[in-house]
């Protein structure tokens, strides 16, 4: 396709059983403004490797390369993209029409908006819906609630240098990307309709890695300096009040203290806990964590 408007980027790693469904969901949109780019990130199972080779033989725009993680695969695919707008689509998910019918219209009409995100239907090992809400700075800075399946400007991706390929465990890369965009002043728009279908897999790699408490400590320690910089930016701009920034700072410090305590890093735990107290953590909450933690630890050993 010579001049696509939208590039759908589909990284896949050992998801050969699903990737053709993801591709068909894009093709079913029957929109000639869309190009599809698939990046096989070094699949190791024979079924996935065979399907990637089959897709390549069928003429699909698929790149097969050594495993480097999903952030690297997305960046690689986006560098090949010709579209003005990007939709990252996981290989086990399926796209729905609203990003094309409404997402483009929002982005075309609002040049300060980088990202349009919407709701999802859940299928797979459990069903249901994922109904989101407009961006709240005090929420997104503490934890991610926006799936990577959005539609956004390639220009915005360029302004932050793409997805962070140095993040630990190749997880939470979408959250780090959103925070980087907010740090550049980009806006987000919520589209209150079902925009994609999310396949729930209980033992997904991302879910399994983040469930390990030691990994949570590493991930949250990695992003903590970025969160602090953003809070200062939001305070200076007036997007968040001084009291809200103090409260969020204390909450983030208290969270790090908690992860340090439960992984055995007691000195670091108390260091962050005292910082949280200075930032505005209530004395009651401070005592509960400072005294409650060793009591709970002794009980668990007894």
C-alpha atoms as a PDB file:
ATOM      1  CA  UNK A   1       0.000   0.000   0.000  1.00  0.00           C
ATOM      2  CA  UNK A   2       1.503   3.312  -1.108  1.00  0.00           C
ATOM      3  CA  UNK A   3      -0.111   5.799   1.293  1.00  0.00           C
ATOM      4  CA  UNK A   4      -1.875   4.149   4.234  1.00  0.00           C
ATOM      5  CA  UNK A   5      -3.367   6.371   6.912  1.00  0.00           C
ATOM      6  CA  UNK A   6      -3.172   3.778   9.690  1.00  0.00           C
ATOM      7  CA  UNK A   7      -0.538   1.146  10.391  1.00  0.00           C
ATOM      8  CA  UNK A   8      -1.559  -1.789  12.574  1.00  0.00           C
ATOM      9  CA  UNK A   9       1.515  -3.249  14.277  1.00  0.00           C
ATOM     10  CA  UNK A  10       1.199  -6.873  15.455  1.00  0.00           C
ATOM     11  CA  UNK A  11       4.147  -8.260  17.421  1.00  0.00           C
ATOM     12  CA  UNK A  12       3.972 -12.017  17.979  1.00  0.00           C
ATOM     13  CA  UNK A  13       5.986 -14.435  20.062  1.00  0.00           C
ATOM     14  CA  UNK A  14       4.799 -18.061  20.100  1.00  0.00           C
ATOM     15  CA  UNK A  15       1.250 -16.872  19.353  1.00  0.00           C
ATOM     16  CA  UNK A  16       0.912 -18.648  16.033  1.00  0.00           C
ATOM     17  CA  UNK A  17      -2.415 -20.114  17.130  1.00  0.00           C
ATOM     18  CA  UNK A  18      -3.871 -16.611  17.443  1.00  0.00           C
ATOM     19  CA  UNK A  19      -2.044 -14.280  15.051  1.00  0.00           C
ATOM     20  CA  UNK A  20      -4.164 -15.147  12.025  1.00  0.00           C
ATOM     21  CA  UNK A  21      -7.277 -14.188  13.997  1.00  0.00           C
ATOM     22  CA  UNK A  22      -5.714 -10.819  14.790  1.00  0.00           C
ATOM     23  CA  UNK A  23      -4.911 -10.274  11.110  1.00  0.00           C
ATOM     24  CA  UNK A  24      -8.418 -11.273  10.012  1.00  0.00           C
ATOM     25  CA  UNK A  25      -9.960  -8.850  12.490  1.00  0.00           C
ATOM     26  CA  UNK A  26      -8.097  -6.029  10.723  1.00  0.00           C
ATOM     27  CA  UNK A  27      -8.951  -7.327   7.266  1.00  0.00           C
ATOM     28  CA  UNK A  28     -12.625  -7.580   8.254  1.00  0.00           C
ATOM     29  CA  UNK A  29     -12.671  -3.804   8.650  1.00  0.00           C
ATOM     30  CA  UNK A  30     -12.410  -3.681   4.837  1.00  0.00           C
ATOM     31  CA  UNK A  31     -10.673  -0.312   4.968  1.00  0.00           C
ATOM     32  CA  UNK A  32      -8.063   0.362   2.310  1.00  0.00           C
ATOM     33  CA  UNK A  33      -6.455   3.062   4.457  1.00  0.00           C
ATOM     34  CA  UNK A  34      -4.926   0.396   6.731  1.00  0.00           C
ATOM     35  CA  UNK A  35      -1.645  -1.474   6.405  1.00  0.00           C
ATOM     36  CA  UNK A  36      -0.731  -4.500   8.546  1.00  0.00           C
ATOM     37  CA  UNK A  37       2.800  -5.087   9.814  1.00  0.00           C
ATOM     38  CA  UNK A  38       3.565  -8.295  11.722  1.00  0.00           C
ATOM     39  CA  UNK A  39       6.797  -8.707  13.674  1.00  0.00           C
ATOM     40  CA  UNK A  40       7.665 -12.256  14.757  1.00  0.00           C
ATOM     41  CA  UNK A  41       9.907 -11.665  17.764  1.00  0.00           C
ATOM     42  CA  UNK A  42      11.887 -14.888  17.484  1.00  0.00           C
ATOM     43  CA  UNK A  43       9.120 -17.439  18.052  1.00  0.00           C
ATOM     44  CA  UNK A  44      10.514 -20.763  19.248  1.00  0.00           C
ATOM     45  CA  UNK A  45       7.629 -23.205  18.922  1.00  0.00           C
ATOM     46  CA  UNK A  46       7.383 -24.970  15.595  1.00  0.00           C
ATOM     47  CA  UNK A  47       3.708 -24.133  14.995  1.00  0.00           C
ATOM     48  CA  UNK A  48       4.309 -20.409  15.393  1.00  0.00           C
ATOM     49  CA  UNK A  49       7.415 -20.485  13.211  1.00  0.00           C
ATOM     50  CA  UNK A  50       5.541 -22.375  10.482  1.00  0.00           C
ATOM     51  CA  UNK A  51       2.607 -19.950  10.551  1.00  0.00           C
ATOM     52  CA  UNK A  52       4.918 -16.921  10.322  1.00  0.00           C
ATOM     53  CA  UNK A  53       6.664 -18.495   7.339  1.00  0.00           C
ATOM     54  CA  UNK A  54       3.289 -19.272   5.733  1.00  0.00           C
ATOM     55  CA  UNK A  55       2.130 -15.681   6.184  1.00  0.00           C
ATOM     56  CA  UNK A  56       5.375 -14.457   4.669  1.00  0.00           C
ATOM     57  CA  UNK A  57       4.904 -16.771   1.668  1.00  0.00           C
ATOM     58  CA  UNK A  58       1.334 -15.476   1.271  1.00  0.00           C
ATOM     59  CA  UNK A  59       2.673 -11.955   0.841  1.00  0.00           C
ATOM     60  CA  UNK A  60       1.918 -10.485   4.264  1.00  0.00           C
ATOM     61  CA  UNK A  61       4.216  -7.759   5.506  1.00  0.00           C
ATOM     62  CA  UNK A  62       5.878  -9.881   8.193  1.00  0.00           C
ATOM     63  CA  UNK A  63       9.340  -9.515   9.658  1.00  0.00           C
ATOM     64  CA  UNK A  64      10.973 -12.492  11.381  1.00  0.00           C
ATOM     65  CA  UNK A  65      13.845 -11.641  13.689  1.00  0.00           C
ATOM     66  CA  UNK A  66      15.665 -12.662  16.857  1.00  0.00           C
ATOM     67  CA  UNK A  67      13.841 -12.251  20.161  1.00  0.00           C
ATOM     68  CA  UNK A  68      14.298  -8.764  21.606  1.00  0.00           C
ATOM     69  CA  UNK A  69      11.076  -8.181  23.526  1.00  0.00           C
ATOM     70  CA  UNK A  70       7.739  -6.589  22.726  1.00  0.00           C
ATOM     71  CA  UNK A  71       8.909  -2.972  23.129  1.00  0.00           C
ATOM     72  CA  UNK A  72      11.675  -3.529  20.593  1.00  0.00           C
ATOM     73  CA  UNK A  73       9.290  -5.354  18.245  1.00  0.00           C
ATOM     74  CA  UNK A  74       6.753  -2.530  18.358  1.00  0.00           C
ATOM     75  CA  UNK A  75       9.454   0.061  17.749  1.00  0.00           C
ATOM     76  CA  UNK A  76      10.809  -1.966  14.851  1.00  0.00           C
ATOM     77  CA  UNK A  77       7.362  -2.348  13.294  1.00  0.00           C
ATOM     78  CA  UNK A  78       6.537   1.337  13.722  1.00  0.00           C
ATOM     79  CA  UNK A  79       9.811   2.322  12.066  1.00  0.00           C
ATOM     80  CA  UNK A  80       8.616   0.405   8.987  1.00  0.00           C
ATOM     81  CA  UNK A  81       5.142   1.966   9.170  1.00  0.00           C
ATOM     82  CA  UNK A  82       3.939   4.399   6.524  1.00  0.00           C
ATOM     83  CA  UNK A  83       0.771   5.439   8.358  1.00  0.00           C
ATOM     84  CA  UNK A  84       0.205   8.735  10.119  1.00  0.00           C
ATOM     85  CA  UNK A  85      -1.522   6.826  12.907  1.00  0.00           C
ATOM     86  CA  UNK A  86      -0.507   3.645  14.729  1.00  0.00           C
ATOM     87  CA  UNK A  87      -2.600   0.877  16.283  1.00  0.00           C
ATOM     88  CA  UNK A  88      -0.575  -1.630  18.333  1.00  0.00           C
ATOM     89  CA  UNK A  89      -2.483  -4.917  18.323  1.00  0.00           C
ATOM     90  CA  UNK A  90      -1.324  -7.877  20.395  1.00  0.00           C
ATOM     91  CA  UNK A  91      -1.262 -11.100  18.393  1.00  0.00           C
ATOM     92  CA  UNK A  92      -3.862 -12.719  20.654  1.00  0.00           C
ATOM     93  CA  UNK A  93      -6.347  -9.824  20.491  1.00  0.00           C
ATOM     94  CA  UNK A  94      -8.776  -8.577  17.831  1.00  0.00           C
ATOM     95  CA  UNK A  95      -9.533  -5.072  16.601  1.00  0.00           C
ATOM     96  CA  UNK A  96     -13.029  -3.582  16.318  1.00  0.00           C
ATOM     97  CA  UNK A  97     -14.110  -0.723  13.976  1.00  0.00           C
ATOM     98  CA  UNK A  98     -14.381   2.339  16.291  1.00  0.00           C
ATOM     99  CA  UNK A  99     -10.686   3.228  16.275  1.00  0.00           C
ATOM    100  CA  UNK A 100     -10.952   3.592  12.516  1.00  0.00           C
ATOM    101  CA  UNK A 101     -14.379   5.216  12.316  1.00  0.00           C
ATOM    102  CA  UNK A 102     -14.128   7.510  15.339  1.00  0.00           C
ATOM    103  CA  UNK A 103     -10.520   7.444  16.515  1.00  0.00           C
ATOM    104  CA  UNK A 104      -9.181   8.969  13.307  1.00  0.00           C
ATOM    105  CA  UNK A 105     -11.832  11.689  13.403  1.00  0.00           C
ATOM    106  CA  UNK A 106     -10.821  12.643  16.959  1.00  0.00           C
ATOM    107  CA  UNK A 107      -7.122  12.766  16.096  1.00  0.00           C
ATOM    108  CA  UNK A 108      -7.702  14.722  12.900  1.00  0.00           C
ATOM    109  CA  UNK A 109      -9.763  17.312  14.792  1.00  0.00           C
ATOM    110  CA  UNK A 110      -7.514  17.654  17.859  1.00  0.00           C
ATOM    111  CA  UNK A 111      -3.829  18.132  16.999  1.00  0.00           C
ATOM    112  CA  UNK A 112      -2.841  18.274  20.692  1.00  0.00           C
ATOM    113  CA  UNK A 113      -4.281  14.787  21.259  1.00  0.00           C
ATOM    114  CA  UNK A 114      -1.794  11.944  20.839  1.00  0.00           C
ATOM    115  CA  UNK A 115      -3.786   8.919  21.981  1.00  0.00           C
ATOM    116  CA  UNK A 116      -7.364   7.719  21.671  1.00  0.00           C
ATOM    117  CA  UNK A 117      -8.246   4.748  23.897  1.00  0.00           C
ATOM    118  CA  UNK A 118     -11.468   2.851  24.347  1.00  0.00           C
ATOM    119  CA  UNK A 119     -13.254  -0.096  25.932  1.00  0.00           C
ATOM    120  CA  UNK A 120     -12.746  -3.807  25.329  1.00  0.00           C
ATOM    121  CA  UNK A 121     -14.747  -6.994  25.169  1.00  0.00           C
ATOM    122  CA  UNK A 122     -13.036  -9.813  27.056  1.00  0.00           C
ATOM    123  CA  UNK A 123     -12.935 -13.338  25.654  1.00  0.00           C
ATOM    124  CA  UNK A 124     -10.779 -16.427  26.040  1.00  0.00           C
ATOM    125  CA  UNK A 125     -10.409 -18.099  29.435  1.00  0.00           C
ATOM    126  CA  UNK A 126     -13.025 -15.758  30.865  1.00  0.00           C
ATOM    127  CA  UNK A 127     -15.562 -13.370  29.362  1.00  0.00           C
ATOM    128  CA  UNK A 128     -16.826  -9.929  30.208  1.00  0.00           C
ATOM    129  CA  UNK A 129     -16.135  -6.313  29.381  1.00  0.00           C
ATOM    130  CA  UNK A 130     -13.466  -3.781  30.224  1.00  0.00           C
ATOM    131  CA  UNK A 131     -15.155  -0.390  30.387  1.00  0.00           C
ATOM    132  CA  UNK A 132     -12.612   2.355  30.924  1.00  0.00           C
ATOM    133  CA  UNK A 133     -12.921   6.051  31.815  1.00  0.00           C
ATOM    134  CA  UNK A 134     -11.274   9.333  30.804  1.00  0.00           C
ATOM    135  CA  UNK A 135      -7.650   9.867  31.698  1.00  0.00           C
ATOM    136  CA  UNK A 136      -7.078  10.847  35.330  1.00  0.00           C
ATOM    137  CA  UNK A 137      -3.557  12.062  36.036  1.00  0.00           C
ATOM    138  CA  UNK A 138      -3.645  10.991  39.669  1.00  0.00           C
ATOM    139  CA  UNK A 139      -4.542   7.434  38.601  1.00  0.00           C
ATOM    140  CA  UNK A 140      -2.318   6.885  35.571  1.00  0.00           C
ATOM    141  CA  UNK A 141       0.777   8.076  37.405  1.00  0.00           C
ATOM    142  CA  UNK A 142       0.228   5.423  40.075  1.00  0.00           C
ATOM    143  CA  UNK A 143      -0.807   2.481  37.896  1.00  0.00           C
ATOM    144  CA  UNK A 144      -1.698   1.779  34.281  1.00  0.00           C
ATOM    145  CA  UNK A 145      -5.297   1.211  33.246  1.00  0.00           C
ATOM    146  CA  UNK A 146      -4.982   1.874  29.501  1.00  0.00           C
ATOM    147  CA  UNK A 147      -4.250  -1.148  27.323  1.00  0.00           C
ATOM    148  CA  UNK A 148      -1.650  -0.793  24.590  1.00  0.00           C
ATOM    149  CA  UNK A 149      -4.370  -1.309  21.955  1.00  0.00           C
ATOM    150  CA  UNK A 150      -5.073   2.341  21.164  1.00  0.00           C
ATOM    151  CA  UNK A 151      -4.771   4.577  18.134  1.00  0.00           C
ATOM    152  CA  UNK A 152      -2.103   7.255  18.339  1.00  0.00           C
ATOM    153  CA  UNK A 153       0.011   9.597  16.266  1.00  0.00           C
ATOM    154  CA  UNK A 154       3.271   8.250  14.914  1.00  0.00           C
ATOM    155  CA  UNK A 155       4.547  11.791  15.467  1.00  0.00           C
ATOM    156  CA  UNK A 156       3.903  11.418  19.210  1.00  0.00           C
ATOM    157  CA  UNK A 157       5.797   8.117  19.287  1.00  0.00           C
ATOM    158  CA  UNK A 158       8.727   9.914  17.629  1.00  0.00           C
ATOM    159  CA  UNK A 159       8.765  12.731  20.207  1.00  0.00           C
ATOM    160  CA  UNK A 160       9.506  10.296  23.058  1.00  0.00           C
ATOM    161  CA  UNK A 161      11.840   8.003  21.149  1.00  0.00           C
ATOM    162  CA  UNK A 162       9.373   5.129  21.020  1.00  0.00           C
ATOM    163  CA  UNK A 163       8.803   2.453  23.641  1.00  0.00           C
ATOM    164  CA  UNK A 164      11.404   2.038  26.364  1.00  0.00           C
ATOM    165  CA  UNK A 165      13.460  -1.021  25.398  1.00  0.00           C
ATOM    166  CA  UNK A 166      15.471  -0.939  28.630  1.00  0.00           C
ATOM    167  CA  UNK A 167      12.547  -1.491  30.978  1.00  0.00           C
ATOM    168  CA  UNK A 168      12.897  -4.604  33.180  1.00  0.00           C
ATOM    169  CA  UNK A 169      11.266  -7.899  32.229  1.00  0.00           C
ATOM    170  CA  UNK A 170       9.775  -6.558  28.978  1.00  0.00           C
ATOM    171  CA  UNK A 171       6.602  -5.645  30.843  1.00  0.00           C
ATOM    172  CA  UNK A 172       4.584  -2.492  31.544  1.00  0.00           C
ATOM    173  CA  UNK A 173       6.084  -0.984  28.381  1.00  0.00           C
ATOM    174  CA  UNK A 174       2.711   0.534  27.459  1.00  0.00           C
ATOM    175  CA  UNK A 175       2.474   2.323  30.845  1.00  0.00           C
ATOM    176  CA  UNK A 176       6.004   3.710  30.500  1.00  0.00           C
ATOM    177  CA  UNK A 177       5.055   4.927  27.020  1.00  0.00           C
ATOM    178  CA  UNK A 178       1.941   6.731  28.287  1.00  0.00           C
ATOM    179  CA  UNK A 179       3.947   8.452  31.031  1.00  0.00           C
ATOM    180  CA  UNK A 180       6.569   9.536  28.506  1.00  0.00           C
ATOM    181  CA  UNK A 181       3.864  11.083  26.301  1.00  0.00           C
ATOM    182  CA  UNK A 182       2.325  12.904  29.265  1.00  0.00           C
ATOM    183  CA  UNK A 183       5.782  14.221  30.082  1.00  0.00           C
ATOM    184  CA  UNK A 184       5.849  15.841  26.628  1.00  0.00           C
ATOM    185  CA  UNK A 185       2.450  17.453  27.173  1.00  0.00           C
ATOM    186  CA  UNK A 186       0.406  15.235  24.847  1.00  0.00           C
ATOM    187  CA  UNK A 187      -3.328  14.748  25.514  1.00  0.00           C
ATOM    188  CA  UNK A 188      -5.372  11.542  25.701  1.00  0.00           C
ATOM    189  CA  UNK A 189      -8.991  11.121  24.590  1.00  0.00           C
ATOM    190  CA  UNK A 190     -11.335   8.401  25.843  1.00  0.00           C
ATOM    191  CA  UNK A 191     -13.729   6.758  23.386  1.00  0.00           C
ATOM    192  CA  UNK A 192     -16.567   5.151  25.353  1.00  0.00           C
ATOM    193  CA  UNK A 193     -17.279   2.286  22.947  1.00  0.00           C
ATOM    194  CA  UNK A 194     -15.834  -1.204  22.417  1.00  0.00           C
ATOM    195  CA  UNK A 195     -12.723  -0.720  20.285  1.00  0.00           C
ATOM    196  CA  UNK A 196     -11.024  -4.101  20.592  1.00  0.00           C
ATOM    197  CA  UNK A 197     -11.401  -7.617  21.951  1.00  0.00           C
ATOM    198  CA  UNK A 198      -8.990  -8.643  24.690  1.00  0.00           C
ATOM    199  CA  UNK A 199      -8.098 -12.307  25.045  1.00  0.00           C
ATOM    200  CA  UNK A 200      -7.749 -13.236  28.727  1.00  0.00           C
ATOM    201  CA  UNK A 201      -5.027 -15.817  29.366  1.00  0.00           C
ATOM    202  CA  UNK A 202      -4.521 -16.595  33.046  1.00  0.00           C
ATOM    203  CA  UNK A 203      -0.890 -17.605  32.604  1.00  0.00           C
ATOM    204  CA  UNK A 204       0.145 -14.810  30.256  1.00  0.00           C
ATOM    205  CA  UNK A 205       3.820 -13.879  30.509  1.00  0.00           C
ATOM    206  CA  UNK A 206       3.143 -10.281  31.565  1.00  0.00           C
ATOM    207  CA  UNK A 207       0.585 -11.243  34.220  1.00  0.00           C
ATOM    208  CA  UNK A 208       2.855 -13.970  35.625  1.00  0.00           C
ATOM    209  CA  UNK A 209       5.924 -11.743  35.847  1.00  0.00           C
ATOM    210  CA  UNK A 210       4.109  -8.853  37.540  1.00  0.00           C
ATOM    211  CA  UNK A 211       2.563 -11.188  40.118  1.00  0.00           C
ATOM    212  CA  UNK A 212       6.045 -11.858  41.560  1.00  0.00           C
ATOM    213  CA  UNK A 213       6.591  -9.318  44.342  1.00  0.00           C
ATOM    214  CA  UNK A 214      10.340  -9.021  43.769  1.00  0.00           C
ATOM    215  CA  UNK A 215       9.631  -8.167  40.138  1.00  0.00           C
ATOM    216  CA  UNK A 216       7.128  -5.511  41.204  1.00  0.00           C
ATOM    217  CA  UNK A 217       9.827  -3.905  43.335  1.00  0.00           C
ATOM    218  CA  UNK A 218      12.233  -3.806  40.387  1.00  0.00           C
ATOM    219  CA  UNK A 219       9.609  -2.426  37.991  1.00  0.00           C
ATOM    220  CA  UNK A 220       8.301   0.219  40.380  1.00  0.00           C
ATOM    221  CA  UNK A 221      11.816   1.275  41.378  1.00  0.00           C
ATOM    222  CA  UNK A 222      12.651   1.692  37.700  1.00  0.00           C
ATOM    223  CA  UNK A 223       9.724   3.991  36.979  1.00  0.00           C
ATOM    224  CA  UNK A 224       9.803   5.920  40.288  1.00  0.00           C
ATOM    225  CA  UNK A 225      12.116   8.750  39.055  1.00  0.00           C
ATOM    226  CA  UNK A 226       9.831   9.295  36.046  1.00  0.00           C
ATOM    227  CA  UNK A 227       6.802   9.479  38.319  1.00  0.00           C
ATOM    228  CA  UNK A 228       8.525  12.080  40.496  1.00  0.00           C
ATOM    229  CA  UNK A 229       9.424  14.215  37.470  1.00  0.00           C
ATOM    230  CA  UNK A 230       5.853  14.027  36.180  1.00  0.00           C
ATOM    231  CA  UNK A 231       4.382  15.000  39.527  1.00  0.00           C
ATOM    232  CA  UNK A 232       6.592  18.078  39.596  1.00  0.00           C
ATOM    233  CA  UNK A 233       5.501  18.916  36.044  1.00  0.00           C
ATOM    234  CA  UNK A 234       1.813  18.549  36.939  1.00  0.00           C
ATOM    235  CA  UNK A 235       2.295  20.683  40.061  1.00  0.00           C
ATOM    236  CA  UNK A 236       4.093  23.428  38.122  1.00  0.00           C
ATOM    237  CA  UNK A 237       1.478  23.454  35.357  1.00  0.00           C
ATOM    238  CA  UNK A 238      -1.438  23.470  37.775  1.00  0.00           C
ATOM    239  CA  UNK A 239      -2.804  20.194  36.388  1.00  0.00           C
ATOM    240  CA  UNK A 240      -2.619  18.785  39.914  1.00  0.00           C
ATOM    241  CA  UNK A 241      -2.802  20.716  43.170  1.00  0.00           C
ATOM    242  CA  UNK A 242       0.146  20.903  45.533  1.00  0.00           C
ATOM    243  CA  UNK A 243      -1.732  18.807  48.105  1.00  0.00           C
ATOM    244  CA  UNK A 244      -2.563  16.137  45.528  1.00  0.00           C
ATOM    245  CA  UNK A 245       1.075  15.943  44.446  1.00  0.00           C
ATOM    246  CA  UNK A 246       2.204  15.591  48.064  1.00  0.00           C
ATOM    247  CA  UNK A 247      -0.359  12.855  48.654  1.00  0.00           C
ATOM    248  CA  UNK A 248       0.648  10.951  45.518  1.00  0.00           C
ATOM    249  CA  UNK A 249       4.344  11.298  46.337  1.00  0.00           C
ATOM    250  CA  UNK A 250       3.741   9.847  49.800  1.00  0.00           C
ATOM    251  CA  UNK A 251       1.653   7.048  48.330  1.00  0.00           C
ATOM    252  CA  UNK A 252       4.363   6.083  45.824  1.00  0.00           C
ATOM    253  CA  UNK A 253       7.057   6.184  48.515  1.00  0.00           C
ATOM    254  CA  UNK A 254       4.902   4.110  50.853  1.00  0.00           C
ATOM    255  CA  UNK A 255       4.326   1.572  48.082  1.00  0.00           C
ATOM    256  CA  UNK A 256       8.071   1.211  47.498  1.00  0.00           C
ATOM    257  CA  UNK A 257       8.588   0.835  51.246  1.00  0.00           C
ATOM    258  CA  UNK A 258       6.015  -1.987  51.253  1.00  0.00           C
ATOM    259  CA  UNK A 259       7.731  -3.856  48.403  1.00  0.00           C
ATOM    260  CA  UNK A 260      11.138  -3.440  50.044  1.00  0.00           C
ATOM    261  CA  UNK A 261       9.830  -4.781  53.350  1.00  0.00           C
ATOM    262  CA  UNK A 262       8.185  -7.878  51.922  1.00  0.00           C
ATOM    263  CA  UNK A 263      11.242  -8.726  49.812  1.00  0.00           C
ATOM    264  CA  UNK A 264      13.610  -8.391  52.768  1.00  0.00           C
ATOM    265  CA  UNK A 265      15.168  -4.976  52.018  1.00  0.00           C
ATOM    266  CA  UNK A 266      14.378  -3.599  55.464  1.00  0.00           C
ATOM    267  CA  UNK A 267      16.690  -0.567  55.474  1.00  0.00           C
ATOM    268  CA  UNK A 268      15.400   0.634  52.104  1.00  0.00           C
ATOM    269  CA  UNK A 269      11.888  -0.013  53.327  1.00  0.00           C
ATOM    270  CA  UNK A 270      12.301   2.330  56.285  1.00  0.00           C
ATOM    271  CA  UNK A 271      14.137   4.874  54.146  1.00  0.00           C
ATOM    272  CA  UNK A 272      11.180   5.193  51.752  1.00  0.00           C
ATOM    273  CA  UNK A 273       8.712   5.065  54.630  1.00  0.00           C
ATOM    274  CA  UNK A 274      10.337   8.044  56.374  1.00  0.00           C
ATOM    275  CA  UNK A 275      10.363   9.899  53.053  1.00  0.00           C
ATOM    276  CA  UNK A 276       6.629   9.180  52.742  1.00  0.00           C
ATOM    277  CA  UNK A 277       6.062  10.604  56.225  1.00  0.00           C
ATOM    278  CA  UNK A 278       7.909  13.792  55.230  1.00  0.00           C
ATOM    279  CA  UNK A 279       5.817  13.986  52.047  1.00  0.00           C
ATOM    280  CA  UNK A 280       2.552  13.884  53.949  1.00  0.00           C
ATOM    281  CA  UNK A 281       1.773  10.279  54.891  1.00  0.00           C
ATOM    282  CA  UNK A 282      -0.391  10.340  57.997  1.00  0.00           C
ATOM    283  CA  UNK A 283       1.329   9.389  61.240  1.00  0.00           C
ATOM    284  CA  UNK A 284      -1.218   6.632  61.764  1.00  0.00           C
ATOM    285  CA  UNK A 285      -0.466   5.107  58.371  1.00  0.00           C
ATOM    286  CA  UNK A 286       3.249   5.475  59.080  1.00  0.00           C
ATOM    287  CA  UNK A 287       2.988   3.621  62.391  1.00  0.00           C
ATOM    288  CA  UNK A 288       0.788   0.922  60.883  1.00  0.00           C
ATOM    289  CA  UNK A 289       3.421   0.187  58.251  1.00  0.00           C
ATOM    290  CA  UNK A 290       6.503   0.746  60.423  1.00  0.00           C
ATOM    291  CA  UNK A 291       5.302  -1.352  63.363  1.00  0.00           C
ATOM    292  CA  UNK A 292       2.783  -3.583  61.645  1.00  0.00           C
ATOM    293  CA  UNK A 293       5.287  -4.963  59.161  1.00  0.00           C
ATOM    294  CA  UNK A 294       7.681  -6.597  61.714  1.00  0.00           C
ATOM    295  CA  UNK A 295       4.723  -7.892  63.732  1.00  0.00           C
ATOM    296  CA  UNK A 296       3.214  -9.563  60.675  1.00  0.00           C
ATOM    297  CA  UNK A 297       6.626 -10.973  59.761  1.00  0.00           C
ATOM    298  CA  UNK A 298       7.118 -12.499  63.234  1.00  0.00           C
ATOM    299  CA  UNK A 299       3.619 -14.001  63.105  1.00  0.00           C
ATOM    300  CA  UNK A 300       4.291 -15.563  59.714  1.00  0.00           C
ATOM    301  CA  UNK A 301       7.502 -17.128  61.075  1.00  0.00           C
ATOM    302  CA  UNK A 302       5.768 -18.351  64.215  1.00  0.00           C
END
